[in-house]
N, C-alpha and C. Protein backbone atom coordinates (compact mmCIF):
# COMPACT_ATOMS: atom_id res chain seq x y z
N UNK A 1 35.83 -30.09 110.29
CA UNK A 1 35.52 -31.27 111.10
C UNK A 1 35.50 -30.89 112.58
N UNK A 2 34.41 -31.17 113.27
CA UNK A 2 34.39 -30.87 114.70
C UNK A 2 35.33 -31.81 115.46
N UNK A 3 35.89 -31.28 116.51
CA UNK A 3 36.79 -32.08 117.33
C UNK A 3 36.06 -33.21 118.02
N UNK A 4 36.74 -34.33 118.14
CA UNK A 4 36.16 -35.45 118.87
C UNK A 4 36.69 -35.41 120.30
N UNK A 5 35.83 -35.86 121.20
CA UNK A 5 36.21 -35.90 122.61
C UNK A 5 36.38 -37.36 123.04
N UNK A 6 37.32 -37.55 123.96
CA UNK A 6 37.55 -38.88 124.49
C UNK A 6 36.46 -39.21 125.49
N UNK A 7 35.97 -40.44 125.47
CA UNK A 7 35.05 -40.88 126.52
C UNK A 7 35.38 -42.31 126.92
N UNK A 8 35.01 -42.66 128.14
CA UNK A 8 35.34 -43.97 128.69
C UNK A 8 34.09 -44.69 129.14
N UNK A 9 34.09 -46.00 128.95
CA UNK A 9 32.99 -46.85 129.39
C UNK A 9 33.60 -48.04 130.12
N UNK A 10 32.81 -48.63 131.01
CA UNK A 10 33.30 -49.83 131.67
C UNK A 10 32.15 -50.81 131.83
N UNK A 11 32.44 -52.07 131.53
CA UNK A 11 31.42 -53.12 131.61
C UNK A 11 31.98 -54.28 132.42
N UNK A 12 31.17 -54.79 133.33
CA UNK A 12 31.58 -55.98 134.06
C UNK A 12 31.36 -57.19 133.16
N UNK A 13 32.38 -58.05 133.09
CA UNK A 13 32.28 -59.23 132.22
C UNK A 13 32.75 -60.44 133.01
N UNK A 14 31.90 -61.44 133.06
CA UNK A 14 32.26 -62.64 133.80
C UNK A 14 33.03 -63.58 132.87
N UNK A 15 34.32 -63.36 132.83
CA UNK A 15 35.18 -64.17 131.97
C UNK A 15 36.60 -64.05 132.49
N UNK A 16 37.43 -65.02 132.15
CA UNK A 16 38.84 -64.89 132.54
C UNK A 16 39.52 -63.94 131.55
N UNK A 17 40.50 -63.17 132.02
CA UNK A 17 41.23 -62.27 131.13
C UNK A 17 41.82 -63.02 129.92
N UNK A 18 42.26 -64.24 130.13
CA UNK A 18 42.86 -65.03 129.06
C UNK A 18 41.86 -65.27 127.92
N UNK A 19 40.65 -65.69 128.27
CA UNK A 19 39.63 -65.95 127.25
C UNK A 19 39.17 -64.64 126.61
N UNK A 20 38.91 -63.65 127.45
CA UNK A 20 38.44 -62.36 126.96
C UNK A 20 39.42 -61.75 125.96
N UNK A 21 40.71 -61.88 126.26
CA UNK A 21 41.74 -61.27 125.41
C UNK A 21 41.67 -61.77 123.97
N UNK A 22 41.36 -63.05 123.78
CA UNK A 22 41.30 -63.57 122.41
C UNK A 22 40.17 -62.89 121.63
N UNK A 23 39.11 -62.49 122.33
CA UNK A 23 37.99 -61.81 121.66
C UNK A 23 38.30 -60.34 121.36
N UNK A 24 39.36 -59.83 121.95
CA UNK A 24 39.74 -58.42 121.74
C UNK A 24 40.88 -58.30 120.72
N UNK A 25 41.65 -59.37 120.56
CA UNK A 25 42.88 -59.25 119.78
C UNK A 25 42.91 -60.09 118.52
N UNK A 26 42.11 -61.15 118.45
CA UNK A 26 42.17 -62.03 117.28
C UNK A 26 41.01 -61.74 116.33
N UNK A 27 41.30 -61.72 115.02
CA UNK A 27 40.25 -61.43 114.03
C UNK A 27 39.02 -62.31 114.20
N UNK A 28 39.26 -63.59 114.44
CA UNK A 28 38.15 -64.52 114.62
C UNK A 28 37.30 -64.15 115.84
N UNK A 29 37.95 -63.75 116.92
CA UNK A 29 37.23 -63.34 118.12
C UNK A 29 36.48 -62.04 117.91
N UNK A 30 37.16 -61.06 117.31
CA UNK A 30 36.54 -59.75 117.06
C UNK A 30 35.33 -59.84 116.13
N UNK A 31 35.42 -60.76 115.16
CA UNK A 31 34.31 -60.84 114.20
C UNK A 31 33.06 -61.48 114.81
N UNK A 32 33.20 -62.05 115.99
CA UNK A 32 32.03 -62.65 116.64
C UNK A 32 31.18 -61.62 117.40
N UNK A 33 31.75 -60.43 117.64
CA UNK A 33 30.97 -59.45 118.41
C UNK A 33 31.18 -58.01 117.98
N UNK A 34 32.35 -57.69 117.43
CA UNK A 34 32.68 -56.29 117.21
C UNK A 34 32.34 -55.80 115.81
N UNK A 35 32.63 -56.62 114.80
CA UNK A 35 32.38 -56.21 113.42
C UNK A 35 31.84 -57.41 112.65
N UNK A 36 31.26 -57.14 111.48
CA UNK A 36 30.72 -58.24 110.66
C UNK A 36 31.85 -59.14 110.17
N UNK A 37 32.98 -58.52 109.86
CA UNK A 37 34.12 -59.29 109.38
C UNK A 37 35.40 -58.56 109.79
N UNK A 38 36.44 -59.33 110.10
CA UNK A 38 37.72 -58.74 110.52
C UNK A 38 38.85 -59.52 109.86
N UNK A 39 39.74 -58.79 109.20
CA UNK A 39 40.93 -59.40 108.61
C UNK A 39 42.15 -58.65 109.12
N UNK A 40 43.27 -59.34 109.20
CA UNK A 40 44.49 -58.67 109.66
C UNK A 40 45.66 -59.02 108.75
N UNK A 41 46.49 -58.00 108.49
CA UNK A 41 47.72 -58.21 107.74
C UNK A 41 48.73 -57.18 108.23
N UNK A 42 49.89 -57.64 108.66
CA UNK A 42 50.95 -56.75 109.16
C UNK A 42 50.44 -55.77 110.23
N UNK A 43 49.75 -56.28 111.21
CA UNK A 43 49.23 -55.48 112.32
C UNK A 43 48.13 -54.48 111.92
N UNK A 44 47.71 -54.51 110.65
CA UNK A 44 46.61 -53.64 110.23
C UNK A 44 45.34 -54.49 110.12
N UNK A 45 44.35 -54.10 110.90
CA UNK A 45 43.09 -54.81 110.94
C UNK A 45 42.09 -54.10 110.03
N UNK A 46 41.40 -54.86 109.23
CA UNK A 46 40.33 -54.30 108.41
C UNK A 46 39.00 -54.76 109.00
N UNK A 47 38.24 -53.80 109.52
CA UNK A 47 36.94 -54.08 110.14
C UNK A 47 35.86 -53.77 109.11
N UNK A 48 34.92 -54.68 108.94
CA UNK A 48 33.84 -54.45 107.99
C UNK A 48 32.50 -54.42 108.73
N UNK A 49 31.76 -53.34 108.50
CA UNK A 49 30.40 -53.19 109.01
C UNK A 49 29.52 -52.84 107.82
N UNK A 50 28.47 -53.61 107.59
CA UNK A 50 27.54 -53.32 106.48
C UNK A 50 28.27 -53.00 105.17
N UNK A 51 29.21 -53.84 104.79
CA UNK A 51 29.99 -53.68 103.55
C UNK A 51 30.87 -52.43 103.52
N UNK A 52 31.03 -51.77 104.64
CA UNK A 52 31.93 -50.61 104.71
C UNK A 52 33.18 -51.01 105.48
N UNK A 53 34.33 -50.75 104.89
CA UNK A 53 35.58 -51.14 105.54
C UNK A 53 36.27 -49.97 106.22
N UNK A 54 36.80 -50.24 107.41
CA UNK A 54 37.60 -49.26 108.14
C UNK A 54 38.86 -49.97 108.61
N UNK A 55 40.00 -49.30 108.41
CA UNK A 55 41.27 -49.93 108.76
C UNK A 55 41.88 -49.28 109.98
N UNK A 56 42.43 -50.13 110.84
CA UNK A 56 43.08 -49.64 112.06
C UNK A 56 44.33 -50.45 112.31
N UNK A 57 45.33 -49.78 112.83
CA UNK A 57 46.59 -50.46 113.15
C UNK A 57 46.61 -50.80 114.63
N UNK A 58 47.03 -52.02 114.93
CA UNK A 58 47.20 -52.40 116.33
C UNK A 58 48.49 -51.74 116.81
N UNK A 59 48.34 -50.70 117.65
CA UNK A 59 49.52 -49.93 118.05
C UNK A 59 50.01 -50.29 119.45
N UNK A 60 49.18 -51.01 120.19
CA UNK A 60 49.60 -51.42 121.52
C UNK A 60 48.87 -52.69 121.89
N UNK A 61 49.59 -53.65 122.42
CA UNK A 61 48.96 -54.88 122.88
C UNK A 61 49.74 -55.42 124.07
N UNK A 62 49.04 -55.66 125.16
CA UNK A 62 49.65 -56.30 126.32
C UNK A 62 48.82 -57.54 126.60
N UNK A 63 49.47 -58.67 126.56
CA UNK A 63 48.74 -59.93 126.66
C UNK A 63 47.85 -59.98 127.90
N UNK A 64 46.59 -60.37 127.66
CA UNK A 64 45.56 -60.51 128.70
C UNK A 64 45.23 -59.19 129.38
N UNK A 65 45.67 -58.05 128.81
CA UNK A 65 45.49 -56.76 129.47
C UNK A 65 44.81 -55.72 128.59
N UNK A 66 45.33 -55.53 127.37
CA UNK A 66 44.94 -54.34 126.64
C UNK A 66 45.26 -54.43 125.15
N UNK A 67 44.39 -53.84 124.35
CA UNK A 67 44.69 -53.62 122.92
C UNK A 67 44.28 -52.19 122.57
N UNK A 68 45.10 -51.56 121.74
CA UNK A 68 44.76 -50.22 121.25
C UNK A 68 44.90 -50.23 119.73
N UNK A 69 43.81 -49.80 119.07
CA UNK A 69 43.78 -49.72 117.61
C UNK A 69 43.70 -48.26 117.21
N UNK A 70 44.56 -47.84 116.29
CA UNK A 70 44.54 -46.46 115.80
C UNK A 70 43.94 -46.46 114.40
N UNK A 71 42.91 -45.65 114.20
CA UNK A 71 42.23 -45.58 112.90
C UNK A 71 43.14 -44.99 111.85
N UNK A 72 43.29 -45.66 110.72
CA UNK A 72 44.13 -45.14 109.64
C UNK A 72 43.41 -44.05 108.85
N UNK A 73 42.06 -44.13 108.80
CA UNK A 73 41.31 -43.14 108.03
C UNK A 73 40.71 -42.05 108.93
N UNK A 74 41.10 -42.05 110.20
CA UNK A 74 40.54 -41.06 111.12
C UNK A 74 41.58 -40.72 112.19
N UNK A 75 42.78 -40.36 111.73
CA UNK A 75 43.83 -40.02 112.70
C UNK A 75 43.51 -38.68 113.34
N UNK A 76 43.92 -38.43 114.55
CA UNK A 76 44.78 -39.24 115.41
C UNK A 76 43.98 -40.17 116.34
N UNK A 77 42.73 -40.46 115.98
CA UNK A 77 41.85 -41.16 116.92
C UNK A 77 42.09 -42.66 116.98
N UNK A 78 41.76 -43.20 118.13
CA UNK A 78 41.97 -44.62 118.37
C UNK A 78 40.85 -45.14 119.27
N UNK A 79 40.81 -46.44 119.45
CA UNK A 79 39.97 -46.99 120.51
C UNK A 79 40.79 -48.03 121.24
N UNK A 80 40.54 -48.13 122.53
CA UNK A 80 41.31 -49.02 123.37
C UNK A 80 40.37 -49.88 124.19
N UNK A 81 40.73 -51.16 124.31
CA UNK A 81 39.97 -52.11 125.11
C UNK A 81 40.92 -52.63 126.18
N UNK A 82 40.59 -52.37 127.43
CA UNK A 82 41.47 -52.77 128.52
C UNK A 82 40.75 -53.70 129.48
N UNK A 83 41.40 -54.80 129.79
CA UNK A 83 40.85 -55.76 130.75
C UNK A 83 41.32 -55.35 132.15
N UNK A 84 40.36 -55.07 133.01
CA UNK A 84 40.67 -54.62 134.37
C UNK A 84 40.20 -55.69 135.33
N UNK A 85 41.12 -56.19 136.15
CA UNK A 85 40.74 -57.22 137.11
C UNK A 85 40.95 -56.71 138.53
N UNK A 86 39.89 -56.82 139.33
CA UNK A 86 39.95 -56.38 140.72
C UNK A 86 40.80 -57.36 141.51
N UNK A 87 41.81 -56.84 142.21
CA UNK A 87 42.74 -57.72 142.91
C UNK A 87 42.08 -58.48 144.06
N UNK A 88 41.10 -57.87 144.69
CA UNK A 88 40.46 -58.52 145.84
C UNK A 88 39.40 -59.53 145.42
N UNK A 89 38.52 -59.12 144.50
CA UNK A 89 37.38 -59.97 144.16
C UNK A 89 37.63 -60.81 142.91
N UNK A 90 38.70 -60.45 142.16
CA UNK A 90 38.98 -61.08 140.85
C UNK A 90 37.91 -60.79 139.81
N UNK A 91 36.99 -59.86 140.09
CA UNK A 91 35.99 -59.47 139.09
C UNK A 91 36.72 -58.88 137.89
N UNK A 92 36.19 -59.18 136.73
CA UNK A 92 36.80 -58.69 135.49
C UNK A 92 35.88 -57.66 134.85
N UNK A 93 36.48 -56.56 134.41
CA UNK A 93 35.71 -55.54 133.69
C UNK A 93 36.46 -55.21 132.41
N UNK A 94 35.70 -54.71 131.44
CA UNK A 94 36.29 -54.25 130.19
C UNK A 94 36.14 -52.74 130.15
N UNK A 95 37.28 -52.04 130.14
CA UNK A 95 37.26 -50.58 130.07
C UNK A 95 37.53 -50.18 128.62
N UNK A 96 36.66 -49.32 128.10
CA UNK A 96 36.76 -48.91 126.70
C UNK A 96 37.04 -47.41 126.63
N UNK A 97 38.00 -47.06 125.81
CA UNK A 97 38.27 -45.65 125.52
C UNK A 97 37.98 -45.45 124.05
N UNK A 98 37.17 -44.43 123.75
CA UNK A 98 36.81 -44.16 122.36
C UNK A 98 36.67 -42.64 122.19
N UNK A 99 36.48 -42.21 120.96
CA UNK A 99 36.33 -40.79 120.66
C UNK A 99 35.09 -40.57 119.81
N UNK A 100 34.40 -39.47 120.07
CA UNK A 100 33.26 -39.09 119.25
C UNK A 100 33.04 -37.59 119.41
N UNK A 101 32.33 -37.00 118.44
CA UNK A 101 31.98 -35.60 118.58
C UNK A 101 30.91 -35.50 119.67
N UNK A 102 30.77 -34.30 120.22
CA UNK A 102 29.84 -34.06 121.31
C UNK A 102 28.44 -34.63 121.01
N UNK A 103 27.96 -34.42 119.79
CA UNK A 103 26.60 -34.86 119.46
C UNK A 103 26.51 -36.36 119.09
N UNK A 104 27.67 -37.03 119.03
CA UNK A 104 27.66 -38.46 118.70
C UNK A 104 27.89 -39.36 119.92
N UNK A 105 28.33 -38.77 121.02
CA UNK A 105 28.72 -39.59 122.17
C UNK A 105 27.60 -40.50 122.66
N UNK A 106 26.40 -39.98 122.81
CA UNK A 106 25.29 -40.80 123.31
C UNK A 106 25.03 -41.99 122.39
N UNK A 107 25.07 -41.73 121.08
CA UNK A 107 24.85 -42.80 120.11
C UNK A 107 25.98 -43.84 120.17
N UNK A 108 27.22 -43.36 120.29
CA UNK A 108 28.36 -44.27 120.38
C UNK A 108 28.26 -45.16 121.62
N UNK A 109 27.82 -44.55 122.73
CA UNK A 109 27.65 -45.34 123.96
C UNK A 109 26.65 -46.47 123.74
N UNK A 110 25.55 -46.17 123.05
CA UNK A 110 24.54 -47.19 122.76
C UNK A 110 25.12 -48.30 121.89
N UNK A 111 25.90 -47.91 120.91
CA UNK A 111 26.52 -48.91 120.03
C UNK A 111 27.42 -49.83 120.85
N UNK A 112 28.25 -49.22 121.72
CA UNK A 112 29.12 -50.04 122.57
C UNK A 112 28.28 -50.95 123.48
N UNK A 113 27.20 -50.40 124.05
CA UNK A 113 26.33 -51.23 124.92
C UNK A 113 25.87 -52.47 124.16
N UNK A 114 25.45 -52.28 122.92
CA UNK A 114 24.97 -53.39 122.10
C UNK A 114 26.09 -54.38 121.78
N UNK A 115 27.26 -53.84 121.40
CA UNK A 115 28.41 -54.70 121.08
C UNK A 115 28.79 -55.55 122.28
N UNK A 116 28.82 -54.92 123.45
CA UNK A 116 29.24 -55.64 124.66
C UNK A 116 28.20 -56.69 125.04
N UNK A 117 26.92 -56.39 124.81
CA UNK A 117 25.88 -57.40 125.02
C UNK A 117 26.15 -58.64 124.16
N UNK A 118 26.53 -58.39 122.89
CA UNK A 118 26.90 -59.51 121.99
C UNK A 118 28.08 -60.28 122.56
N UNK A 119 29.09 -59.53 122.97
CA UNK A 119 30.31 -60.15 123.50
C UNK A 119 29.97 -61.05 124.69
N UNK A 120 29.15 -60.53 125.60
CA UNK A 120 28.78 -61.30 126.79
C UNK A 120 28.02 -62.56 126.41
N UNK A 121 27.14 -62.45 125.41
CA UNK A 121 26.39 -63.64 125.00
C UNK A 121 27.29 -64.65 124.31
N UNK A 122 28.27 -64.17 123.52
CA UNK A 122 29.22 -65.06 122.85
C UNK A 122 30.08 -65.79 123.90
N UNK A 123 30.48 -65.05 124.93
CA UNK A 123 31.30 -65.62 125.99
C UNK A 123 30.48 -66.57 126.87
N UNK A 124 29.15 -66.45 126.78
CA UNK A 124 28.29 -67.23 127.66
C UNK A 124 28.46 -66.80 129.10
N UNK A 125 28.81 -65.53 129.28
CA UNK A 125 29.12 -65.01 130.62
C UNK A 125 27.86 -64.56 131.34
């Protein structure tokens, strides 16, 4: 298995951290933009894409700030969604940390671009 590299993305999102956080942490919110279906039991989230299930454990959560999910079938990798708010302008951005192999990074970035477009449309931002 080739090693995966960490990469970061950031998107400006016109939303309050409070509202945005529910879309990052709650199954109902996540299923509106991130995956086709999301279920949670004992901090383990089951994400479904095209009838394929992937499980991740919520390993870190700071209210209105950040969630980190660690893949159970792809350790030690994780993805993190962090809400960043500019203290001066109050602009809100979503910073994403993810992992992919060198030849997958461009494709992963495109996938995130599309997911975030969905998120923004769901938020009506």
